[in-house]
């Protein structure tokens, strides 16, 4: 596959590699695709929704302790798909 990237996108990728965040341009693109998949799997949040959910989670931890992360994601994903 061959892609043509905008100059702005090329500069962003080059900066990520130059700053040492990634070893090569392919790693930057792979990370971006991974982020896209995660966003699609877990959904997008309305403005302020993520902050509210984090605050709710902190209150819940203080009150009831913690929950296994994998179980929490399965529960959240099941609720979103209904």
N, C-alpha and C. Protein backbone atom coordinates (compact mmCIF):
# COMPACT_ATOMS: atom_id res chain seq x y z
N UNK A 1 0.84 -1.17 0.00
CA UNK A 1 0.00 0.00 0.00
C UNK A 1 0.89 1.24 0.00
N UNK A 2 0.51 2.19 -0.79
CA UNK A 2 1.23 3.46 -0.84
C UNK A 2 0.26 4.56 -0.48
N UNK A 3 0.66 5.45 0.43
CA UNK A 3 -0.18 6.56 0.86
C UNK A 3 0.53 7.87 0.59
N UNK A 4 -0.26 8.89 0.31
CA UNK A 4 0.27 10.23 0.21
C UNK A 4 -0.20 11.00 1.43
N UNK A 5 0.74 11.50 2.22
CA UNK A 5 0.41 12.22 3.44
C UNK A 5 0.59 13.71 3.23
N UNK A 6 -0.22 14.49 3.91
CA UNK A 6 -0.05 15.94 3.84
C UNK A 6 1.31 16.30 4.45
N UNK A 7 1.82 17.44 4.07
CA UNK A 7 3.12 17.89 4.62
C UNK A 7 3.02 18.04 6.13
N UNK A 8 1.89 18.51 6.61
CA UNK A 8 1.69 18.68 8.06
C UNK A 8 1.80 17.34 8.78
N UNK A 9 1.17 16.30 8.22
CA UNK A 9 1.22 14.97 8.82
C UNK A 9 2.63 14.41 8.76
N UNK A 10 3.31 14.63 7.65
CA UNK A 10 4.70 14.17 7.53
C UNK A 10 5.58 14.82 8.59
N UNK A 11 5.41 16.13 8.81
CA UNK A 11 6.21 16.83 9.83
C UNK A 11 5.91 16.30 11.22
N UNK A 12 4.66 16.00 11.49
CA UNK A 12 4.28 15.46 12.80
C UNK A 12 4.96 14.11 13.03
N UNK A 13 4.89 13.24 12.03
CA UNK A 13 5.53 11.93 12.15
C UNK A 13 7.04 12.09 12.33
N UNK A 14 7.65 12.93 11.54
CA UNK A 14 9.10 13.16 11.65
C UNK A 14 9.47 13.68 13.03
N UNK A 15 8.67 14.57 13.58
CA UNK A 15 8.95 15.12 14.92
C UNK A 15 8.86 14.04 15.98
N UNK A 16 7.85 13.16 15.90
CA UNK A 16 7.71 12.07 16.86
C UNK A 16 8.94 11.17 16.85
N UNK A 17 9.47 10.88 15.66
CA UNK A 17 10.67 10.05 15.54
C UNK A 17 11.89 10.82 16.04
N UNK A 18 12.04 12.06 15.62
CA UNK A 18 13.19 12.89 16.02
C UNK A 18 13.24 13.08 17.54
N UNK A 19 12.07 13.25 18.16
CA UNK A 19 12.01 13.45 19.62
C UNK A 19 12.24 12.15 20.39
N UNK A 20 12.37 11.05 19.68
CA UNK A 20 12.64 9.77 20.33
C UNK A 20 11.42 9.05 20.86
N UNK A 21 10.24 9.55 20.52
CA UNK A 21 9.02 8.88 20.99
C UNK A 21 8.78 7.56 20.25
N UNK A 22 9.26 7.48 19.02
CA UNK A 22 9.12 6.28 18.20
C UNK A 22 10.42 6.04 17.46
N UNK A 23 10.66 4.76 17.12
CA UNK A 23 11.90 4.41 16.43
C UNK A 23 11.88 4.74 14.95
N UNK A 24 10.70 4.69 14.34
CA UNK A 24 10.60 4.91 12.91
C UNK A 24 9.19 5.39 12.56
N UNK A 25 9.01 5.94 11.35
CA UNK A 25 7.69 6.43 10.94
C UNK A 25 6.61 5.33 10.99
N UNK A 26 6.98 4.11 10.64
CA UNK A 26 6.01 3.01 10.67
C UNK A 26 5.45 2.80 12.08
N UNK A 27 6.30 2.98 13.10
CA UNK A 27 5.83 2.84 14.49
C UNK A 27 4.82 3.92 14.85
N UNK A 28 5.01 5.13 14.33
CA UNK A 28 4.06 6.21 14.58
C UNK A 28 2.71 5.87 13.96
N UNK A 29 2.72 5.40 12.73
CA UNK A 29 1.48 5.05 12.04
C UNK A 29 0.80 3.88 12.75
N UNK A 30 1.57 2.89 13.17
CA UNK A 30 1.00 1.75 13.90
C UNK A 30 0.33 2.20 15.19
N UNK A 31 0.97 3.11 15.91
CA UNK A 31 0.39 3.63 17.15
C UNK A 31 -0.91 4.40 16.86
N UNK A 32 -0.91 5.16 15.78
CA UNK A 32 -2.11 5.91 15.40
C UNK A 32 -3.26 4.96 15.07
N UNK A 33 -2.97 3.90 14.35
CA UNK A 33 -4.00 2.92 14.00
C UNK A 33 -4.51 2.23 15.27
N UNK A 34 -3.59 1.90 16.18
CA UNK A 34 -3.99 1.30 17.45
C UNK A 34 -4.91 2.21 18.24
N UNK A 35 -4.60 3.49 18.24
CA UNK A 35 -5.45 4.46 18.92
C UNK A 35 -6.82 4.55 18.27
N UNK A 36 -6.86 4.53 16.96
CA UNK A 36 -8.13 4.56 16.24
C UNK A 36 -8.99 3.34 16.57
N UNK A 37 -8.36 2.17 16.61
CA UNK A 37 -9.10 0.95 16.94
C UNK A 37 -9.65 1.03 18.36
N UNK A 38 -8.83 1.49 19.30
CA UNK A 38 -9.28 1.63 20.69
C UNK A 38 -10.45 2.60 20.78
N UNK A 39 -10.35 3.70 20.06
CA UNK A 39 -11.44 4.69 20.07
C UNK A 39 -12.72 4.09 19.52
N UNK A 40 -12.60 3.33 18.45
CA UNK A 40 -13.79 2.70 17.87
C UNK A 40 -14.35 1.63 18.79
N UNK A 41 -13.47 0.88 19.46
CA UNK A 41 -13.93 -0.20 20.35
C UNK A 41 -14.60 0.35 21.60
N UNK A 42 -14.09 1.44 22.14
CA UNK A 42 -14.59 1.95 23.40
C UNK A 42 -15.44 3.20 23.25
N UNK A 43 -15.59 3.70 22.05
CA UNK A 43 -16.48 4.82 21.80
C UNK A 43 -15.85 6.17 22.08
N UNK A 44 -16.47 7.18 21.55
CA UNK A 44 -16.04 8.55 21.79
C UNK A 44 -16.84 9.13 22.95
N UNK A 45 -16.27 10.12 23.59
CA UNK A 45 -16.93 10.74 24.73
C UNK A 45 -17.38 12.15 24.37
N UNK A 46 -18.54 12.54 24.90
CA UNK A 46 -19.00 13.92 24.74
C UNK A 46 -18.10 14.81 25.59
N UNK A 47 -18.04 16.11 25.29
CA UNK A 47 -17.22 17.02 26.10
C UNK A 47 -17.59 16.92 27.58
N UNK A 48 -16.60 16.69 28.41
CA UNK A 48 -16.80 16.60 29.85
C UNK A 48 -17.21 15.22 30.34
N UNK A 49 -17.64 14.35 29.43
CA UNK A 49 -18.12 13.02 29.84
C UNK A 49 -17.00 12.19 30.47
N UNK A 50 -15.82 12.19 29.86
CA UNK A 50 -14.72 11.40 30.40
C UNK A 50 -14.32 11.89 31.78
N UNK A 51 -14.24 13.21 31.97
CA UNK A 51 -13.91 13.75 33.29
C UNK A 51 -14.94 13.33 34.33
N UNK A 52 -16.21 13.38 33.96
CA UNK A 52 -17.27 12.98 34.89
C UNK A 52 -17.16 11.50 35.23
N UNK A 53 -16.85 10.67 34.23
CA UNK A 53 -16.70 9.24 34.48
C UNK A 53 -15.50 8.96 35.38
N UNK A 54 -14.41 9.69 35.17
CA UNK A 54 -13.23 9.52 36.02
C UNK A 54 -13.53 9.91 37.46
N UNK A 55 -14.24 11.02 37.64
CA UNK A 55 -14.63 11.45 38.99
C UNK A 55 -15.52 10.41 39.65
N UNK A 56 -16.46 9.88 38.88
CA UNK A 56 -17.36 8.84 39.40
C UNK A 56 -16.55 7.61 39.81
N UNK A 57 -15.57 7.25 38.99
CA UNK A 57 -14.72 6.11 39.31
C UNK A 57 -13.92 6.32 40.58
N UNK A 58 -13.38 7.53 40.75
CA UNK A 58 -12.63 7.84 41.97
C UNK A 58 -13.52 7.73 43.20
N UNK A 59 -14.75 8.23 43.10
CA UNK A 59 -15.69 8.12 44.23
C UNK A 59 -15.99 6.65 44.53
N UNK A 60 -16.18 5.88 43.48
CA UNK A 60 -16.49 4.46 43.65
C UNK A 60 -15.33 3.71 44.30
N UNK A 61 -14.11 4.03 43.91
CA UNK A 61 -12.93 3.39 44.50
C UNK A 61 -12.85 3.71 45.99
N UNK A 62 -13.07 4.98 46.32
CA UNK A 62 -13.02 5.37 47.74
C UNK A 62 -14.10 4.64 48.54
N UNK A 63 -15.26 4.45 47.93
CA UNK A 63 -16.39 3.83 48.64
C UNK A 63 -16.30 2.30 48.66
N UNK A 64 -15.98 1.69 47.51
CA UNK A 64 -16.11 0.24 47.38
C UNK A 64 -14.84 -0.52 47.04
N UNK A 65 -13.73 0.18 46.83
CA UNK A 65 -12.51 -0.51 46.41
C UNK A 65 -12.42 -0.57 44.90
N UNK A 66 -11.60 -1.47 44.40
CA UNK A 66 -11.34 -1.53 42.96
C UNK A 66 -12.04 -2.71 42.31
N UNK A 67 -12.07 -2.69 40.98
CA UNK A 67 -12.67 -3.73 40.15
C UNK A 67 -11.63 -4.15 39.13
N UNK A 68 -11.59 -5.42 38.80
CA UNK A 68 -10.68 -5.91 37.77
C UNK A 68 -10.91 -5.13 36.46
N UNK A 69 -9.84 -4.61 35.88
CA UNK A 69 -9.95 -3.77 34.68
C UNK A 69 -10.57 -4.47 33.49
N UNK A 70 -10.18 -5.72 33.24
CA UNK A 70 -10.75 -6.45 32.10
C UNK A 70 -12.26 -6.63 32.27
N UNK A 71 -12.68 -6.94 33.48
CA UNK A 71 -14.11 -7.11 33.73
C UNK A 71 -14.85 -5.78 33.54
N UNK A 72 -14.24 -4.69 33.97
CA UNK A 72 -14.87 -3.38 33.83
C UNK A 72 -15.03 -3.01 32.36
N UNK A 73 -14.01 -3.26 31.53
CA UNK A 73 -14.11 -2.95 30.10
C UNK A 73 -15.17 -3.83 29.42
N UNK A 74 -15.21 -5.11 29.78
CA UNK A 74 -16.23 -5.99 29.20
C UNK A 74 -17.63 -5.48 29.55
N UNK A 75 -17.81 -5.10 30.80
CA UNK A 75 -19.10 -4.59 31.26
C UNK A 75 -19.46 -3.30 30.53
N UNK A 76 -18.50 -2.39 30.39
CA UNK A 76 -18.75 -1.11 29.72
C UNK A 76 -19.09 -1.34 28.25
N UNK A 77 -18.32 -2.20 27.58
CA UNK A 77 -18.55 -2.46 26.16
C UNK A 77 -19.91 -3.10 25.94
N UNK A 78 -20.30 -4.03 26.82
CA UNK A 78 -21.60 -4.68 26.70
C UNK A 78 -22.73 -3.66 26.87
N UNK A 79 -22.57 -2.74 27.78
CA UNK A 79 -23.58 -1.71 28.01
C UNK A 79 -23.71 -0.74 26.86
N UNK A 80 -22.59 -0.43 26.20
CA UNK A 80 -22.58 0.51 25.06
C UNK A 80 -23.22 -0.11 23.83
N UNK A 81 -23.12 -1.43 23.69
CA UNK A 81 -23.59 -2.05 22.45
C UNK A 81 -25.10 -2.28 22.45
N UNK A 82 -25.76 -2.04 23.58
CA UNK A 82 -27.21 -2.27 23.65
C UNK A 82 -27.96 -1.09 23.08
